[in-house]
PDB file of all heavy atoms in Angstrom:
ATOM      1  N   GLN A   1      14.264 -17.918 -58.356  1.00  0.00           N
ATOM      2  CA  GLN A   1      12.818 -18.079 -58.405  1.00  0.00           C
ATOM      3  C   GLN A   1      12.071 -17.033 -57.575  1.00  0.00           C
ATOM      4  O   GLN A   1      10.922 -16.712 -57.878  1.00  0.00           O
ATOM      5  CB  GLN A   1      12.423 -19.471 -57.901  1.00  0.00           C
ATOM      6  CG  GLN A   1      12.895 -20.619 -58.774  1.00  0.00           C
ATOM      7  CD  GLN A   1      12.172 -20.670 -60.104  1.00  0.00           C
ATOM      8  OE1 GLN A   1      10.973 -20.419 -60.189  1.00  0.00           O
ATOM      9  NE2 GLN A   1      12.910 -20.989 -61.167  1.00  0.00           N
ATOM     10  N   LEU A   2      12.704 -16.510 -56.540  1.00  0.00           N
ATOM     11  CA  LEU A   2      12.019 -15.636 -55.594  1.00  0.00           C
ATOM     12  C   LEU A   2      12.463 -14.188 -55.749  1.00  0.00           C
ATOM     13  O   LEU A   2      13.547 -13.903 -56.252  1.00  0.00           O
ATOM     14  CB  LEU A   2      12.292 -16.108 -54.158  1.00  0.00           C
ATOM     15  CG  LEU A   2      11.836 -17.538 -53.833  1.00  0.00           C
ATOM     16  CD1 LEU A   2      12.319 -17.952 -52.444  1.00  0.00           C
ATOM     17  CD2 LEU A   2      10.315 -17.649 -53.917  1.00  0.00           C
ATOM     18  N   ASP A   3      11.617 -13.296 -55.273  1.00  0.00           N
ATOM     19  CA  ASP A   3      11.933 -11.871 -55.336  1.00  0.00           C
ATOM     20  C   ASP A   3      12.951 -11.462 -54.277  1.00  0.00           C
ATOM     21  O   ASP A   3      13.659 -10.474 -54.442  1.00  0.00           O
ATOM     22  CB  ASP A   3      10.655 -11.041 -55.164  1.00  0.00           C
ATOM     23  CG  ASP A   3       9.682 -11.247 -56.305  1.00  0.00           C
ATOM     24  OD1 ASP A   3      10.139 -11.347 -57.460  1.00  0.00           O
ATOM     25  OD2 ASP A   3       8.466 -11.312 -56.056  1.00  0.00           O
ATOM     26  N   ASP A   4      12.998 -12.210 -53.171  1.00  0.00           N
ATOM     27  CA  ASP A   4      13.947 -11.930 -52.096  1.00  0.00           C
ATOM     28  C   ASP A   4      14.983 -13.031 -52.003  1.00  0.00           C
ATOM     29  O   ASP A   4      14.684 -14.202 -52.231  1.00  0.00           O
ATOM     30  CB  ASP A   4      13.221 -11.806 -50.748  1.00  0.00           C
ATOM     31  CG  ASP A   4      12.889 -10.361 -50.403  1.00  0.00           C
ATOM     32  OD1 ASP A   4      13.765  -9.506 -50.597  1.00  0.00           O
ATOM     33  OD2 ASP A   4      11.759 -10.100 -49.945  1.00  0.00           O
ATOM     34  N   GLN A   5      16.216 -12.647 -51.639  1.00  0.00           N
ATOM     35  CA  GLN A   5      17.280 -13.628 -51.469  1.00  0.00           C
ATOM     36  C   GLN A   5      16.986 -14.521 -50.268  1.00  0.00           C
ATOM     37  O   GLN A   5      16.477 -14.063 -49.247  1.00  0.00           O
ATOM     38  CB  GLN A   5      18.612 -12.902 -51.228  1.00  0.00           C
ATOM     39  CG  GLN A   5      19.041 -11.978 -52.344  1.00  0.00           C
ATOM     40  CD  GLN A   5      19.839 -12.698 -53.407  1.00  0.00           C
ATOM     41  OE1 GLN A   5      20.027 -13.906 -53.333  1.00  0.00           O
ATOM     42  NE2 GLN A   5      20.318 -11.972 -54.395  1.00  0.00           N
ATOM     43  N   PRO A   6      17.302 -15.809 -50.340  1.00  0.00           N
ATOM     44  CA  PRO A   6      17.147 -16.679 -49.175  1.00  0.00           C
ATOM     45  C   PRO A   6      18.266 -16.451 -48.162  1.00  0.00           C
ATOM     46  O   PRO A   6      19.329 -15.921 -48.496  1.00  0.00           O
ATOM     47  CB  PRO A   6      17.243 -18.083 -49.777  1.00  0.00           C
ATOM     48  CG  PRO A   6      18.124 -17.903 -50.975  1.00  0.00           C
ATOM     49  CD  PRO A   6      17.786 -16.532 -51.525  1.00  0.00           C
ATOM     50  N   ILE A   7      18.021 -16.842 -46.931  1.00  0.00           N
ATOM     51  CA  ILE A   7      19.046 -16.878 -45.900  1.00  0.00           C
ATOM     52  C   ILE A   7      19.680 -18.269 -45.922  1.00  0.00           C
ATOM     53  O   ILE A   7      18.984 -19.274 -46.015  1.00  0.00           O
ATOM     54  CB  ILE A   7      18.443 -16.572 -44.512  1.00  0.00           C
ATOM     55  CG1 ILE A   7      17.996 -15.100 -44.448  1.00  0.00           C
ATOM     56  CG2 ILE A   7      19.439 -16.860 -43.399  1.00  0.00           C
ATOM     57  CD1 ILE A   7      17.271 -14.742 -43.162  1.00  0.00           C
ATOM     58  N   PHE A   8      20.996 -18.324 -45.841  1.00  0.00           N
ATOM     59  CA  PHE A   8      21.725 -19.591 -45.918  1.00  0.00           C
ATOM     60  C   PHE A   8      22.380 -19.865 -44.570  1.00  0.00           C
ATOM     61  O   PHE A   8      23.153 -19.036 -44.060  1.00  0.00           O
ATOM     62  CB  PHE A   8      22.788 -19.501 -47.013  1.00  0.00           C
ATOM     63  CG  PHE A   8      23.346 -20.835 -47.459  1.00  0.00           C
ATOM     64  CD1 PHE A   8      22.703 -22.022 -47.186  1.00  0.00           C
ATOM     65  CD2 PHE A   8      24.533 -20.888 -48.179  1.00  0.00           C
ATOM     66  CE1 PHE A   8      23.208 -23.247 -47.613  1.00  0.00           C
ATOM     67  CE2 PHE A   8      25.049 -22.100 -48.610  1.00  0.00           C
ATOM     68  CZ  PHE A   8      24.382 -23.285 -48.323  1.00  0.00           C
ATOM     69  N   LEU A   9      22.057 -21.019 -43.961  1.00  0.00           N
ATOM     70  CA  LEU A   9      22.615 -21.413 -42.676  1.00  0.00           C
ATOM     71  C   LEU A   9      23.540 -22.610 -42.885  1.00  0.00           C
ATOM     72  O   LEU A   9      23.100 -23.657 -43.367  1.00  0.00           O
ATOM     73  CB  LEU A   9      21.499 -21.796 -41.699  1.00  0.00           C
ATOM     74  CG  LEU A   9      20.344 -20.804 -41.518  1.00  0.00           C
ATOM     75  CD1 LEU A   9      19.300 -21.379 -40.567  1.00  0.00           C
ATOM     76  CD2 LEU A   9      20.861 -19.467 -40.987  1.00  0.00           C
ATOM     77  N   LEU A  10      24.810 -22.460 -42.529  1.00  0.00           N
ATOM     78  CA  LEU A  10      25.772 -23.555 -42.649  1.00  0.00           C
ATOM     79  C   LEU A  10      26.281 -23.910 -41.254  1.00  0.00           C
ATOM     80  O   LEU A  10      26.927 -23.076 -40.598  1.00  0.00           O
ATOM     81  CB  LEU A  10      26.955 -23.168 -43.541  1.00  0.00           C
ATOM     82  CG  LEU A  10      26.649 -22.865 -45.013  1.00  0.00           C
ATOM     83  CD1 LEU A  10      26.377 -21.382 -45.212  1.00  0.00           C
ATOM     84  CD2 LEU A  10      27.801 -23.304 -45.901  1.00  0.00           C
ATOM     85  N   ASP A  11      25.984 -25.107 -40.813  1.00  0.00           N
ATOM     86  CA  ASP A  11      26.322 -25.512 -39.456  1.00  0.00           C
ATOM     87  C   ASP A  11      27.417 -26.567 -39.467  1.00  0.00           C
ATOM     88  O   ASP A  11      27.175 -27.729 -39.829  1.00  0.00           O
ATOM     89  CB  ASP A  11      25.071 -26.058 -38.740  1.00  0.00           C
ATOM     90  CG  ASP A  11      25.346 -26.415 -37.294  1.00  0.00           C
ATOM     91  OD1 ASP A  11      26.132 -25.695 -36.643  1.00  0.00           O
ATOM     92  OD2 ASP A  11      24.771 -27.406 -36.814  1.00  0.00           O
ATOM     93  N   ASP A  12      28.615 -26.154 -39.091  1.00  0.00           N
ATOM     94  CA  ASP A  12      29.722 -27.086 -38.872  1.00  0.00           C
ATOM     95  C   ASP A  12      29.944 -28.009 -40.071  1.00  0.00           C
ATOM     96  O   ASP A  12      29.994 -29.236 -39.924  1.00  0.00           O
ATOM     97  CB  ASP A  12      29.442 -27.919 -37.608  1.00  0.00           C
ATOM     98  CG  ASP A  12      30.676 -28.685 -37.122  1.00  0.00           C
ATOM     99  OD1 ASP A  12      31.796 -28.240 -37.429  1.00  0.00           O
ATOM    100  OD2 ASP A  12      30.499 -29.730 -36.463  1.00  0.00           O
ATOM    101  N   VAL A  13      30.101 -27.425 -41.238  1.00  0.00           N
ATOM    102  CA  VAL A  13      30.233 -28.244 -42.448  1.00  0.00           C
ATOM    103  C   VAL A  13      31.654 -28.264 -43.010  1.00  0.00           C
ATOM    104  O   VAL A  13      31.948 -29.082 -43.886  1.00  0.00           O
ATOM    105  CB  VAL A  13      29.269 -27.751 -43.555  1.00  0.00           C
ATOM    106  CG1 VAL A  13      27.840 -27.868 -43.089  1.00  0.00           C
ATOM    107  CG2 VAL A  13      29.588 -26.331 -43.975  1.00  0.00           C
ATOM    108  N   PHE A  14      32.541 -27.399 -42.522  1.00  0.00           N
ATOM    109  CA  PHE A  14      33.851 -27.289 -43.159  1.00  0.00           C
ATOM    110  C   PHE A  14      34.840 -28.352 -42.694  1.00  0.00           C
ATOM    111  O   PHE A  14      35.860 -28.567 -43.333  1.00  0.00           O
ATOM    112  CB  PHE A  14      34.435 -25.895 -42.917  1.00  0.00           C
ATOM    113  CG  PHE A  14      33.726 -24.828 -43.705  1.00  0.00           C
ATOM    114  CD1 PHE A  14      32.708 -24.086 -43.135  1.00  0.00           C
ATOM    115  CD2 PHE A  14      34.053 -24.593 -45.025  1.00  0.00           C
ATOM    116  CE1 PHE A  14      32.040 -23.117 -43.859  1.00  0.00           C
ATOM    117  CE2 PHE A  14      33.391 -23.628 -45.766  1.00  0.00           C
ATOM    118  CZ  PHE A  14      32.375 -22.881 -45.187  1.00  0.00           C
ATOM    119  N   GLY A  15      34.529 -29.033 -41.596  1.00  0.00           N
ATOM    120  CA  GLY A  15      35.428 -30.080 -41.126  1.00  0.00           C
ATOM    121  C   GLY A  15      35.528 -31.252 -42.082  1.00  0.00           C
ATOM    122  O   GLY A  15      36.528 -31.980 -42.080  1.00  0.00           O
ATOM    123  N   ASP A  16      34.511 -31.446 -42.913  1.00  0.00           N
ATOM    124  CA  ASP A  16      34.504 -32.570 -43.860  1.00  0.00           C
ATOM    125  C   ASP A  16      35.045 -32.196 -45.230  1.00  0.00           C
ATOM    126  O   ASP A  16      35.070 -33.043 -46.127  1.00  0.00           O
ATOM    127  CB  ASP A  16      33.074 -33.100 -44.023  1.00  0.00           C
ATOM    128  CG  ASP A  16      32.579 -33.810 -42.781  1.00  0.00           C
ATOM    129  OD1 ASP A  16      33.415 -34.334 -42.031  1.00  0.00           O
ATOM    130  OD2 ASP A  16      31.359 -33.815 -42.558  1.00  0.00           O
ATOM    131  N   LEU A  17      35.447 -30.936 -45.414  1.00  0.00           N
ATOM    132  CA  LEU A  17      35.913 -30.492 -46.729  1.00  0.00           C
ATOM    133  C   LEU A  17      37.410 -30.255 -46.721  1.00  0.00           C
ATOM    134  O   LEU A  17      37.969 -29.741 -45.744  1.00  0.00           O
ATOM    135  CB  LEU A  17      35.200 -29.191 -47.133  1.00  0.00           C
ATOM    136  CG  LEU A  17      33.680 -29.246 -47.290  1.00  0.00           C
ATOM    137  CD1 LEU A  17      33.139 -27.862 -47.619  1.00  0.00           C
ATOM    138  CD2 LEU A  17      33.281 -30.235 -48.373  1.00  0.00           C
ATOM    139  N   ASP A  18      38.062 -30.602 -47.820  1.00  0.00           N
ATOM    140  CA  ASP A  18      39.480 -30.305 -47.922  1.00  0.00           C
ATOM    141  C   ASP A  18      39.669 -28.817 -48.198  1.00  0.00           C
ATOM    142  O   ASP A  18      38.713 -28.072 -48.412  1.00  0.00           O
ATOM    143  CB  ASP A  18      40.145 -31.175 -49.000  1.00  0.00           C
ATOM    144  CG  ASP A  18      39.524 -30.984 -50.384  1.00  0.00           C
ATOM    145  OD1 ASP A  18      39.054 -29.867 -50.692  1.00  0.00           O
ATOM    146  OD2 ASP A  18      39.485 -31.951 -51.160  1.00  0.00           O
ATOM    147  N   GLN A  19      40.928 -28.374 -48.201  1.00  0.00           N
ATOM    148  CA  GLN A  19      41.222 -26.947 -48.319  1.00  0.00           C
ATOM    149  C   GLN A  19      40.709 -26.366 -49.637  1.00  0.00           C
ATOM    150  O   GLN A  19      40.137 -25.271 -49.660  1.00  0.00           O
ATOM    151  CB  GLN A  19      42.733 -26.711 -48.204  1.00  0.00           C
ATOM    152  CG  GLN A  19      43.113 -25.228 -48.288  1.00  0.00           C
ATOM    153  CD  GLN A  19      44.607 -25.012 -48.123  1.00  0.00           C
ATOM    154  OE1 GLN A  19      45.352 -25.937 -47.804  1.00  0.00           O
ATOM    155  NE2 GLN A  19      45.054 -23.776 -48.332  1.00  0.00           N
ATOM    156  N   HIS A  20      40.883 -27.112 -50.722  1.00  0.00           N
ATOM    157  CA  HIS A  20      40.462 -26.592 -52.024  1.00  0.00           C
ATOM    158  C   HIS A  20      38.947 -26.375 -52.063  1.00  0.00           C
ATOM    159  O   HIS A  20      38.479 -25.310 -52.487  1.00  0.00           O
ATOM    160  CB  HIS A  20      40.884 -27.551 -53.137  1.00  0.00           C
ATOM    161  CG  HIS A  20      40.325 -27.191 -54.477  1.00  0.00           C
ATOM    162  ND1 HIS A  20      40.730 -26.075 -55.184  1.00  0.00           N
ATOM    163  CD2 HIS A  20      39.357 -27.795 -55.239  1.00  0.00           C
ATOM    164  CE1 HIS A  20      40.050 -26.005 -56.320  1.00  0.00           C
ATOM    165  NE2 HIS A  20      39.216 -27.040 -56.377  1.00  0.00           N
ATOM    166  N   ARG A  21      38.186 -27.358 -51.622  1.00  0.00           N
ATOM    167  CA  ARG A  21      36.729 -27.226 -51.687  1.00  0.00           C
ATOM    168  C   ARG A  21      36.223 -26.215 -50.663  1.00  0.00           C
ATOM    169  O   ARG A  21      35.201 -25.567 -50.881  1.00  0.00           O
ATOM    170  CB  ARG A  21      36.074 -28.592 -51.493  1.00  0.00           C
ATOM    171  CG  ARG A  21      36.353 -29.518 -52.673  1.00  0.00           C
ATOM    172  CD  ARG A  21      35.499 -30.758 -52.664  1.00  0.00           C
ATOM    173  NE  ARG A  21      35.726 -31.527 -53.876  1.00  0.00           N
ATOM    174  CZ  ARG A  21      36.554 -32.558 -53.967  1.00  0.00           C
ATOM    175  NH1 ARG A  21      37.244 -32.941 -52.900  1.00  0.00           N
ATOM    176  NH2 ARG A  21      36.708 -33.205 -55.113  1.00  0.00           N
ATOM    177  N   THR A  22      36.919 -26.079 -49.552  1.00  0.00           N
ATOM    178  CA  THR A  22      36.583 -25.016 -48.598  1.00  0.00           C
ATOM    179  C   THR A  22      36.711 -23.655 -49.255  1.00  0.00           C
ATOM    180  O   THR A  22      35.830 -22.796 -49.127  1.00  0.00           O
ATOM    181  CB  THR A  22      37.500 -25.100 -47.362  1.00  0.00           C
ATOM    182  OG1 THR A  22      37.234 -26.318 -46.662  1.00  0.00           O
ATOM    183  CG2 THR A  22      37.251 -23.929 -46.424  1.00  0.00           C
ATOM    184  N   GLU A  23      37.790 -23.443 -49.991  1.00  0.00           N
ATOM    185  CA  GLU A  23      38.006 -22.159 -50.671  1.00  0.00           C
ATOM    186  C   GLU A  23      36.972 -21.944 -51.773  1.00  0.00           C
ATOM    187  O   GLU A  23      36.465 -20.826 -51.946  1.00  0.00           O
ATOM    188  CB  GLU A  23      39.422 -22.102 -51.240  1.00  0.00           C
ATOM    189  CG  GLU A  23      40.499 -22.029 -50.166  1.00  0.00           C
ATOM    190  CD  GLU A  23      41.906 -22.073 -50.751  1.00  0.00           C
ATOM    191  OE1 GLU A  23      42.020 -22.217 -51.996  1.00  0.00           O
ATOM    192  OE2 GLU A  23      42.871 -21.973 -49.978  1.00  0.00           O
ATOM    193  N   VAL A  24      36.639 -23.001 -52.514  1.00  0.00           N
ATOM    194  CA  VAL A  24      35.627 -22.887 -53.569  1.00  0.00           C
ATOM    195  C   VAL A  24      34.282 -22.472 -52.974  1.00  0.00           C
ATOM    196  O   VAL A  24      33.599 -21.568 -53.480  1.00  0.00           O
ATOM    197  CB  VAL A  24      35.484 -24.220 -54.336  1.00  0.00           C
ATOM    198  CG1 VAL A  24      34.278 -24.171 -55.271  1.00  0.00           C
ATOM    199  CG2 VAL A  24      36.749 -24.502 -55.139  1.00  0.00           C
ATOM    200  N   LEU A  25      33.892 -23.123 -51.868  1.00  0.00           N
ATOM    201  CA  LEU A  25      32.614 -22.806 -51.235  1.00  0.00           C
ATOM    202  C   LEU A  25      32.606 -21.398 -50.667  1.00  0.00           C
ATOM    203  O   LEU A  25      31.645 -20.641 -50.874  1.00  0.00           O
ATOM    204  CB  LEU A  25      32.329 -23.827 -50.127  1.00  0.00           C
ATOM    205  CG  LEU A  25      31.055 -23.592 -49.290  1.00  0.00           C
ATOM    206  CD1 LEU A  25      29.822 -23.494 -50.180  1.00  0.00           C
ATOM    207  CD2 LEU A  25      30.884 -24.686 -48.262  1.00  0.00           C
ATOM    208  N   LEU A  26      33.668 -21.008 -49.972  1.00  0.00           N
ATOM    209  CA  LEU A  26      33.709 -19.670 -49.376  1.00  0.00           C
ATOM    210  C   LEU A  26      33.717 -18.586 -50.448  1.00  0.00           C
ATOM    211  O   LEU A  26      33.078 -17.539 -50.295  1.00  0.00           O
ATOM    212  CB  LEU A  26      34.930 -19.535 -48.474  1.00  0.00           C
ATOM    213  CG  LEU A  26      34.861 -20.300 -47.136  1.00  0.00           C
ATOM    214  CD1 LEU A  26      36.181 -20.177 -46.382  1.00  0.00           C
ATOM    215  CD2 LEU A  26      33.707 -19.789 -46.284  1.00  0.00           C
ATOM    216  N   ASN A  27      34.440 -18.816 -51.540  1.00  0.00           N
ATOM    217  CA  ASN A  27      34.447 -17.833 -52.631  1.00  0.00           C
ATOM    218  C   ASN A  27      33.057 -17.689 -53.242  1.00  0.00           C
ATOM    219  O   ASN A  27      32.633 -16.578 -53.596  1.00  0.00           O
ATOM    220  CB  ASN A  27      35.457 -18.241 -53.710  1.00  0.00           C
ATOM    221  CG  ASN A  27      36.889 -17.932 -53.301  1.00  0.00           C
ATOM    222  OD1 ASN A  27      37.151 -16.932 -52.638  1.00  0.00           O
ATOM    223  ND2 ASN A  27      37.823 -18.799 -53.669  1.00  0.00           N
ATOM    224  N   ALA A  28      32.336 -18.802 -53.359  1.00  0.00           N
ATOM    225  CA  ALA A  28      30.965 -18.740 -53.881  1.00  0.00           C
ATOM    226  C   ALA A  28      30.069 -17.933 -52.952  1.00  0.00           C
ATOM    227  O   ALA A  28      29.239 -17.140 -53.404  1.00  0.00           O
ATOM    228  CB  ALA A  28      30.418 -20.155 -54.072  1.00  0.00           C
ATOM    229  N   LEU A  29      30.244 -18.116 -51.646  1.00  0.00           N
ATOM    230  CA  LEU A  29      29.408 -17.400 -50.680  1.00  0.00           C
ATOM    231  C   LEU A  29      29.723 -15.902 -50.658  1.00  0.00           C
ATOM    232  O   LEU A  29      28.816 -15.084 -50.454  1.00  0.00           O
ATOM    233  CB  LEU A  29      29.597 -17.997 -49.283  1.00  0.00           C
ATOM    234  CG  LEU A  29      29.133 -19.454 -49.119  1.00  0.00           C
ATOM    235  CD1 LEU A  29      29.422 -19.952 -47.720  1.00  0.00           C
ATOM    236  CD2 LEU A  29      27.650 -19.580 -49.426  1.00  0.00           C
ATOM    237  N   THR A  30      30.979 -15.544 -50.863  1.00  0.00           N
ATOM    238  CA  THR A  30      31.315 -14.118 -50.891  1.00  0.00           C
ATOM    239  C   THR A  30      30.715 -13.427 -52.113  1.00  0.00           C
ATOM    240  O   THR A  30      30.387 -12.235 -52.068  1.00  0.00           O
ATOM    241  CB  THR A  30      32.842 -13.907 -50.884  1.00  0.00           C
ATOM    242  OG1 THR A  30      33.414 -14.547 -52.031  1.00  0.00           O
ATOM    243  CG2 THR A  30      33.455 -14.465 -49.618  1.00  0.00           C
ATOM    244  N   LYS A  31      30.526 -14.182 -53.200  1.00  0.00           N
ATOM    245  CA  LYS A  31      29.954 -13.604 -54.417  1.00  0.00           C
ATOM    246  C   LYS A  31      28.430 -13.585 -54.395  1.00  0.00           C
ATOM    247  O   LYS A  31      27.803 -12.784 -55.091  1.00  0.00           O
ATOM    248  CB  LYS A  31      30.444 -14.389 -55.642  1.00  0.00           C
ATOM    249  CG  LYS A  31      31.938 -14.266 -55.881  1.00  0.00           C
ATOM    250  CD  LYS A  31      32.384 -15.162 -57.033  1.00  0.00           C
ATOM    251  CE  LYS A  31      33.893 -15.095 -57.224  1.00  0.00           C
ATOM    252  NZ  LYS A  31      34.356 -16.019 -58.300  1.00  0.00           N
ATOM    253  N   HIS A  32      27.835 -14.482 -53.599  1.00  0.00           N
ATOM    254  CA  HIS A  32      26.377 -14.512 -53.502  1.00  0.00           C
ATOM    255  C   HIS A  32      25.909 -13.350 -52.644  1.00  0.00           C
ATOM    256  O   HIS A  32      26.469 -13.073 -51.587  1.00  0.00           O
ATOM    257  CB  HIS A  32      25.921 -15.840 -52.893  1.00  0.00           C
ATOM    258  CG  HIS A  32      24.447 -16.044 -52.954  1.00  0.00           C
ATOM    259  ND1 HIS A  32      23.609 -15.701 -51.921  1.00  0.00           N
ATOM    260  CD2 HIS A  32      23.644 -16.535 -53.925  1.00  0.00           C
ATOM    261  CE1 HIS A  32      22.353 -15.978 -52.250  1.00  0.00           C
ATOM    262  NE2 HIS A  32      22.357 -16.483 -53.463  1.00  0.00           N
ATOM    263  N   ASN A  33      24.865 -12.659 -53.083  1.00  0.00           N
ATOM    264  CA  ASN A  33      24.435 -11.442 -52.402  1.00  0.00           C
ATOM    265  C   ASN A  33      23.570 -11.684 -51.171  1.00  0.00           C
ATOM    266  O   ASN A  33      23.295 -10.758 -50.406  1.00  0.00           O
ATOM    267  CB  ASN A  33      23.669 -10.539 -53.375  1.00  0.00           C
ATOM    268  CG  ASN A  33      24.564  -9.953 -54.442  1.00  0.00           C
ATOM    269  OD1 ASN A  33      25.726  -9.663 -54.172  1.00  0.00           O
ATOM    270  ND2 ASN A  33      24.045  -9.795 -55.650  1.00  0.00           N
ATOM    271  N   GLY A  34      23.125 -12.925 -50.973  1.00  0.00           N
ATOM    272  CA  GLY A  34      22.262 -13.207 -49.842  1.00  0.00           C
ATOM    273  C   GLY A  34      23.016 -13.231 -48.523  1.00  0.00           C
ATOM    274  O   GLY A  34      24.248 -13.228 -48.471  1.00  0.00           O
ATOM    275  N   GLN A  35      22.253 -13.280 -47.430  1.00  0.00           N
ATOM    276  CA  GLN A  35      22.842 -13.315 -46.093  1.00  0.00           C
ATOM    277  C   GLN A  35      23.176 -14.758 -45.715  1.00  0.00           C
ATOM    278  O   GLN A  35      22.380 -15.667 -45.916  1.00  0.00           O
ATOM    279  CB  GLN A  35      21.875 -12.723 -45.077  1.00  0.00           C
ATOM    280  CG  GLN A  35      22.474 -12.498 -43.698  1.00  0.00           C
ATOM    281  CD  GLN A  35      21.459 -11.901 -42.730  1.00  0.00           C
ATOM    282  OE1 GLN A  35      20.263 -12.167 -42.825  1.00  0.00           O
ATOM    283  NE2 GLN A  35      21.929 -11.090 -41.793  1.00  0.00           N
ATOM    284  N   THR A  36      24.368 -14.953 -45.166  1.00  0.00           N
ATOM    285  CA  THR A  36      24.865 -16.275 -44.830  1.00  0.00           C
ATOM    286  C   THR A  36      25.319 -16.313 -43.382  1.00  0.00           C
ATOM    287  O   THR A  36      25.911 -15.355 -42.880  1.00  0.00           O
ATOM    288  CB  THR A  36      26.042 -16.666 -45.746  1.00  0.00           C
ATOM    289  OG1 THR A  36      25.594 -16.717 -47.104  1.00  0.00           O
ATOM    290  CG2 THR A  36      26.613 -18.020 -45.372  1.00  0.00           C
ATOM    291  N   PHE A  37      25.047 -17.446 -42.728  1.00  0.00           N
ATOM    292  CA  PHE A  37      25.504 -17.685 -41.356  1.00  0.00           C
ATOM    293  C   PHE A  37      26.312 -18.982 -41.342  1.00  0.00           C
ATOM    294  O   PHE A  37      25.842 -20.006 -41.816  1.00  0.00           O
ATOM    295  CB  PHE A  37      24.321 -17.790 -40.398  1.00  0.00           C
ATOM    296  CG  PHE A  37      23.557 -16.510 -40.244  1.00  0.00           C
ATOM    297  CD1 PHE A  37      22.584 -16.151 -41.173  1.00  0.00           C
ATOM    298  CD2 PHE A  37      23.812 -15.649 -39.186  1.00  0.00           C
ATOM    299  CE1 PHE A  37      21.891 -14.970 -41.046  1.00  0.00           C
ATOM    300  CE2 PHE A  37      23.125 -14.457 -39.052  1.00  0.00           C
ATOM    301  CZ  PHE A  37      22.152 -14.112 -39.985  1.00  0.00           C
ATOM    302  N   ILE A  38      27.518 -18.908 -40.786  1.00  0.00           N
ATOM    303  CA  ILE A  38      28.423 -20.054 -40.761  1.00  0.00           C
ATOM    304  C   ILE A  38      28.865 -20.301 -39.327  1.00  0.00           C
ATOM    305  O   ILE A  38      29.335 -19.380 -38.652  1.00  0.00           O
ATOM    306  CB  ILE A  38      29.671 -19.805 -41.628  1.00  0.00           C
ATOM    307  CG1 ILE A  38      29.285 -19.472 -43.075  1.00  0.00           C
ATOM    308  CG2 ILE A  38      30.603 -21.000 -41.591  1.00  0.00           C
ATOM    309  CD1 ILE A  38      30.451 -18.986 -43.919  1.00  0.00           C
ATOM    310  N   THR A  39      28.714 -21.534 -38.835  1.00  0.00           N
ATOM    311  CA  THR A  39      29.279 -21.899 -37.542  1.00  0.00           C
ATOM    312  C   THR A  39      30.489 -22.787 -37.776  1.00  0.00           C
ATOM    313  O   THR A  39      30.496 -23.640 -38.669  1.00  0.00           O
ATOM    314  CB  THR A  39      28.272 -22.644 -36.652  1.00  0.00           C
ATOM    315  OG1 THR A  39      28.002 -23.937 -37.197  1.00  0.00           O
ATOM    316  CG2 THR A  39      26.973 -21.866 -36.539  1.00  0.00           C
ATOM    317  N   SER A  40      31.516 -22.573 -36.970  1.00  0.00           N
ATOM    318  CA  SER A  40      32.748 -23.356 -37.127  1.00  0.00           C
ATOM    319  C   SER A  40      33.563 -23.280 -35.840  1.00  0.00           C
ATOM    320  O   SER A  40      33.552 -22.253 -35.150  1.00  0.00           O
ATOM    321  CB  SER A  40      33.575 -22.831 -38.295  1.00  0.00           C
ATOM    322  OG  SER A  40      34.807 -23.513 -38.389  1.00  0.00           O
ATOM    323  N   ALA A  41      34.261 -24.363 -35.520  1.00  0.00           N
ATOM    324  CA  ALA A  41      35.150 -24.371 -34.366  1.00  0.00           C
ATOM    325  C   ALA A  41      36.516 -23.795 -34.701  1.00  0.00           C
ATOM    326  O   ALA A  41      37.302 -23.506 -33.801  1.00  0.00           O
ATOM    327  CB  ALA A  41      35.300 -25.801 -33.831  1.00  0.00           C
TER     328      ALA A  41
END
């Protein structure tokens, strides 16, 4: 919808995801051209 890519902030969300869905989400983020910030322990 917008002319500029949004910034995506992900805060401590991978602890609730299994390995498969973690990989699906990370692969999607690597393909998305926008800037992403991920926090994780």
